[in-house]
Amino acid sequence: MKAHLHPLSSSSLRRLRDFRPSPFSSSVSILDLDPKPFDSIPRQLRLDQKIVSCYLRTGGALPKGSRPQHPSILSAADREECTLLFHPM
């Protein structure tokens, strides 16, 4: 995994004057060393939808008996929105 932090342009900074978090854009590059065949995408989508459905139903709560969330980890409400862009390599 590779992560980059880039300072925002001055035009972006003007739009974000009152924005409290650090004015950086970030990106993460992930290289999948074990790519799955395309015909498994529908199955993976169904599994992902189950995970998201469970998360939304429980409000992101951990199952009983599991370890509590580390205090430095942001809750879903505290996270910034992000966009995932997939680039073939």
N, C-alpha and C. Protein backbone atom coordinates (compact mmCIF):
# COMPACT_ATOMS: atom_id res chain seq x y z
N MET A 1 0.85 -1.15 0.00
CA MET A 1 0.00 0.00 0.00
C MET A 1 0.90 1.23 0.00
N LYS A 2 0.46 2.25 -0.72
CA LYS A 2 1.23 3.49 -0.81
C LYS A 2 0.27 4.63 -0.53
N ALA A 3 0.64 5.55 0.33
CA ALA A 3 -0.21 6.70 0.65
C ALA A 3 0.54 7.99 0.34
N HIS A 4 -0.19 8.98 -0.15
CA HIS A 4 0.39 10.29 -0.48
C HIS A 4 -0.44 11.38 0.16
N LEU A 5 0.22 12.41 0.66
CA LEU A 5 -0.44 13.63 1.11
C LEU A 5 0.10 14.76 0.25
N HIS A 6 -0.80 15.51 -0.37
CA HIS A 6 -0.41 16.60 -1.23
C HIS A 6 -1.06 17.88 -0.74
N PRO A 7 -0.30 18.99 -0.61
CA PRO A 7 -0.93 20.26 -0.24
C PRO A 7 -1.96 20.64 -1.31
N LEU A 8 -3.04 21.25 -0.88
CA LEU A 8 -4.07 21.69 -1.81
C LEU A 8 -3.60 22.93 -2.55
N SER A 9 -4.18 23.16 -3.72
CA SER A 9 -3.87 24.36 -4.48
C SER A 9 -4.44 25.58 -3.77
N SER A 10 -3.95 26.77 -4.13
CA SER A 10 -4.43 27.99 -3.46
C SER A 10 -5.92 28.22 -3.72
N SER A 11 -6.43 27.84 -4.90
CA SER A 11 -7.86 28.01 -5.16
C SER A 11 -8.69 27.09 -4.27
N SER A 12 -8.19 25.88 -4.03
CA SER A 12 -8.89 24.97 -3.12
C SER A 12 -8.84 25.49 -1.70
N LEU A 13 -7.72 26.08 -1.32
CA LEU A 13 -7.59 26.62 0.04
C LEU A 13 -8.58 27.75 0.28
N ARG A 14 -8.81 28.59 -0.75
CA ARG A 14 -9.78 29.69 -0.60
C ARG A 14 -11.17 29.14 -0.30
N ARG A 15 -11.54 28.04 -0.95
CA ARG A 15 -12.86 27.46 -0.71
C ARG A 15 -12.96 26.82 0.67
N LEU A 16 -11.82 26.45 1.24
CA LEU A 16 -11.81 25.71 2.50
C LEU A 16 -11.30 26.55 3.67
N ARG A 17 -11.45 27.87 3.61
CA ARG A 17 -10.91 28.73 4.66
C ARG A 17 -11.37 28.33 6.05
N ASP A 18 -12.64 28.00 6.19
CA ASP A 18 -13.18 27.67 7.51
C ASP A 18 -13.12 26.18 7.80
N PHE A 19 -12.48 25.44 6.96
CA PHE A 19 -12.39 23.99 7.13
C PHE A 19 -11.34 23.70 8.19
N ARG A 20 -11.69 22.96 9.22
CA ARG A 20 -10.80 22.75 10.36
C ARG A 20 -9.69 21.71 10.14
N PRO A 21 -9.96 20.55 9.54
CA PRO A 21 -8.86 19.60 9.37
C PRO A 21 -7.76 20.17 8.49
N SER A 22 -6.61 19.57 8.55
CA SER A 22 -5.46 20.01 7.79
C SER A 22 -5.79 20.08 6.30
N PRO A 23 -5.37 21.16 5.62
CA PRO A 23 -5.71 21.34 4.20
C PRO A 23 -4.83 20.50 3.28
N PHE A 24 -4.96 19.20 3.35
CA PHE A 24 -4.21 18.29 2.48
C PHE A 24 -5.19 17.38 1.76
N SER A 25 -4.86 17.06 0.54
CA SER A 25 -5.59 15.99 -0.13
C SER A 25 -4.76 14.73 0.08
N SER A 26 -5.39 13.60 0.03
CA SER A 26 -4.65 12.36 0.25
C SER A 26 -5.08 11.33 -0.77
N SER A 27 -4.20 10.39 -1.02
CA SER A 27 -4.55 9.29 -1.91
C SER A 27 -3.84 8.03 -1.41
N VAL A 28 -4.45 6.91 -1.70
CA VAL A 28 -3.88 5.62 -1.33
C VAL A 28 -3.90 4.74 -2.56
N SER A 29 -2.78 4.12 -2.86
CA SER A 29 -2.69 3.19 -3.98
C SER A 29 -2.56 1.78 -3.43
N ILE A 30 -3.36 0.88 -3.96
CA ILE A 30 -3.34 -0.51 -3.50
C ILE A 30 -3.11 -1.40 -4.71
N LEU A 31 -2.15 -2.27 -4.59
CA LEU A 31 -1.86 -3.24 -5.64
C LEU A 31 -2.36 -4.59 -5.17
N ASP A 32 -3.35 -5.14 -5.86
CA ASP A 32 -3.92 -6.43 -5.49
C ASP A 32 -3.05 -7.54 -6.07
N LEU A 33 -2.35 -8.24 -5.19
CA LEU A 33 -1.47 -9.31 -5.64
C LEU A 33 -2.22 -10.62 -5.86
N ASP A 34 -3.49 -10.64 -5.51
CA ASP A 34 -4.30 -11.84 -5.68
C ASP A 34 -5.64 -11.45 -6.33
N PRO A 35 -5.59 -10.93 -7.58
CA PRO A 35 -6.83 -10.49 -8.21
C PRO A 35 -7.78 -11.67 -8.45
N LYS A 36 -9.05 -11.41 -8.29
CA LYS A 36 -10.08 -12.44 -8.49
C LYS A 36 -10.61 -12.35 -9.93
N PRO A 37 -11.11 -13.46 -10.47
CA PRO A 37 -11.67 -13.42 -11.82
C PRO A 37 -12.92 -12.54 -11.88
N PHE A 38 -13.13 -11.94 -13.04
CA PHE A 38 -14.26 -11.04 -13.20
C PHE A 38 -15.61 -11.73 -12.97
N ASP A 39 -15.70 -13.02 -13.25
CA ASP A 39 -16.99 -13.69 -13.08
C ASP A 39 -17.38 -13.84 -11.60
N SER A 40 -16.45 -13.57 -10.68
CA SER A 40 -16.79 -13.63 -9.25
C SER A 40 -17.32 -12.29 -8.73
N ILE A 41 -17.34 -11.25 -9.57
CA ILE A 41 -17.78 -9.93 -9.12
C ILE A 41 -19.20 -9.94 -8.57
N PRO A 42 -20.19 -10.58 -9.24
CA PRO A 42 -21.55 -10.58 -8.66
C PRO A 42 -21.60 -11.19 -7.26
N ARG A 43 -20.86 -12.28 -7.04
CA ARG A 43 -20.83 -12.90 -5.71
C ARG A 43 -20.19 -11.97 -4.69
N GLN A 44 -19.07 -11.35 -5.06
CA GLN A 44 -18.40 -10.41 -4.15
C GLN A 44 -19.29 -9.22 -3.84
N LEU A 45 -20.05 -8.75 -4.84
CA LEU A 45 -20.98 -7.64 -4.62
C LEU A 45 -22.04 -8.03 -3.60
N ARG A 46 -22.60 -9.23 -3.74
CA ARG A 46 -23.61 -9.68 -2.76
C ARG A 46 -23.03 -9.74 -1.35
N LEU A 47 -21.81 -10.25 -1.23
CA LEU A 47 -21.16 -10.31 0.09
C LEU A 47 -20.93 -8.90 0.64
N ASP A 48 -20.47 -7.99 -0.20
CA ASP A 48 -20.26 -6.60 0.24
C ASP A 48 -21.57 -5.96 0.67
N GLN A 49 -22.65 -6.23 -0.07
CA GLN A 49 -23.95 -5.67 0.28
C GLN A 49 -24.43 -6.20 1.63
N LYS A 50 -24.15 -7.47 1.92
CA LYS A 50 -24.51 -8.04 3.23
C LYS A 50 -23.75 -7.32 4.35
N ILE A 51 -22.47 -7.08 4.13
CA ILE A 51 -21.65 -6.40 5.13
C ILE A 51 -22.18 -4.99 5.38
N VAL A 52 -22.44 -4.25 4.31
CA VAL A 52 -22.95 -2.88 4.44
C VAL A 52 -24.31 -2.89 5.11
N SER A 53 -25.18 -3.81 4.73
CA SER A 53 -26.51 -3.91 5.33
C SER A 53 -26.41 -4.15 6.83
N CYS A 54 -25.55 -5.06 7.24
CA CYS A 54 -25.36 -5.36 8.66
C CYS A 54 -24.82 -4.13 9.38
N TYR A 55 -23.86 -3.45 8.77
CA TYR A 55 -23.28 -2.25 9.38
C TYR A 55 -24.35 -1.18 9.58
N LEU A 56 -25.17 -0.95 8.55
CA LEU A 56 -26.22 0.06 8.66
C LEU A 56 -27.27 -0.34 9.68
N ARG A 57 -27.61 -1.61 9.73
CA ARG A 57 -28.62 -2.10 10.67
C ARG A 57 -28.15 -1.94 12.11
N THR A 58 -26.88 -2.18 12.36
CA THR A 58 -26.35 -2.11 13.73
C THR A 58 -25.77 -0.75 14.07
N GLY A 59 -25.74 0.16 13.10
CA GLY A 59 -25.15 1.46 13.35
C GLY A 59 -23.65 1.40 13.57
N GLY A 60 -23.03 0.36 13.06
CA GLY A 60 -21.59 0.21 13.20
C GLY A 60 -21.17 -0.31 14.56
N ALA A 61 -22.15 -0.77 15.36
CA ALA A 61 -21.82 -1.28 16.69
C ALA A 61 -21.08 -2.60 16.59
N LEU A 62 -20.16 -2.81 17.50
CA LEU A 62 -19.42 -4.07 17.55
C LEU A 62 -20.28 -5.14 18.20
N PRO A 63 -20.11 -6.40 17.81
CA PRO A 63 -20.85 -7.49 18.45
C PRO A 63 -20.50 -7.57 19.94
N LYS A 64 -21.44 -8.07 20.74
CA LYS A 64 -21.20 -8.21 22.18
C LYS A 64 -19.99 -9.11 22.41
N GLY A 65 -19.17 -8.73 23.37
CA GLY A 65 -17.99 -9.53 23.70
C GLY A 65 -16.76 -9.20 22.87
N SER A 66 -16.91 -8.37 21.83
CA SER A 66 -15.73 -8.02 21.04
C SER A 66 -15.02 -6.85 21.72
N ARG A 67 -13.79 -6.64 21.29
CA ARG A 67 -13.00 -5.58 21.91
C ARG A 67 -13.56 -4.21 21.56
N PRO A 68 -13.51 -3.25 22.50
CA PRO A 68 -14.00 -1.90 22.21
C PRO A 68 -13.10 -1.21 21.19
N GLN A 69 -13.68 -0.23 20.51
CA GLN A 69 -12.95 0.52 19.50
C GLN A 69 -11.86 1.35 20.16
N HIS A 70 -10.69 1.41 19.53
CA HIS A 70 -9.58 2.21 20.04
C HIS A 70 -9.99 3.68 20.02
N PRO A 71 -9.68 4.47 21.06
CA PRO A 71 -10.14 5.86 21.13
C PRO A 71 -9.63 6.74 20.00
N SER A 72 -8.50 6.39 19.39
CA SER A 72 -7.99 7.25 18.31
C SER A 72 -8.67 6.97 16.97
N ILE A 73 -9.47 5.91 16.90
CA ILE A 73 -10.17 5.59 15.65
C ILE A 73 -11.46 6.41 15.60
N LEU A 74 -11.65 7.11 14.50
CA LEU A 74 -12.83 7.96 14.36
C LEU A 74 -14.08 7.12 14.15
N SER A 75 -15.18 7.57 14.71
CA SER A 75 -16.44 6.90 14.43
C SER A 75 -16.87 7.27 13.02
N ALA A 76 -17.83 6.54 12.48
CA ALA A 76 -18.29 6.79 11.11
C ALA A 76 -18.77 8.23 10.95
N ALA A 77 -19.41 8.79 11.97
CA ALA A 77 -19.93 10.15 11.89
C ALA A 77 -18.80 11.18 11.83
N ASP A 78 -17.62 10.86 12.36
CA ASP A 78 -16.51 11.80 12.40
C ASP A 78 -15.65 11.77 11.14
N ARG A 79 -15.81 10.75 10.33
CA ARG A 79 -14.96 10.60 9.15
C ARG A 79 -15.37 11.57 8.06
N GLU A 80 -14.38 11.98 7.28
CA GLU A 80 -14.67 12.80 6.11
C GLU A 80 -15.16 11.89 5.00
N GLU A 81 -15.91 12.47 4.07
CA GLU A 81 -16.32 11.69 2.91
C GLU A 81 -15.11 11.42 2.05
N CYS A 82 -15.11 10.30 1.37
CA CYS A 82 -14.01 10.01 0.46
C CYS A 82 -14.56 9.37 -0.80
N THR A 83 -13.79 9.44 -1.85
CA THR A 83 -14.16 8.84 -3.12
C THR A 83 -13.07 7.84 -3.48
N LEU A 84 -13.48 6.64 -3.84
CA LEU A 84 -12.52 5.63 -4.26
C LEU A 84 -12.45 5.63 -5.78
N LEU A 85 -11.26 5.74 -6.31
CA LEU A 85 -11.05 5.69 -7.75
C LEU A 85 -10.19 4.48 -8.05
N PHE A 86 -10.65 3.62 -8.92
CA PHE A 86 -9.91 2.41 -9.26
C PHE A 86 -9.24 2.60 -10.61
N HIS A 87 -7.93 2.44 -10.63
CA HIS A 87 -7.16 2.60 -11.85
C HIS A 87 -6.53 1.26 -12.20
N PRO A 88 -6.81 0.71 -13.39
CA PRO A 88 -6.16 -0.54 -13.77
C PRO A 88 -4.66 -0.32 -13.91
N MET A 89 -3.90 -1.34 -13.56
CA MET A 89 -2.43 -1.22 -13.64
C MET A 89 -1.91 -2.21 -14.65
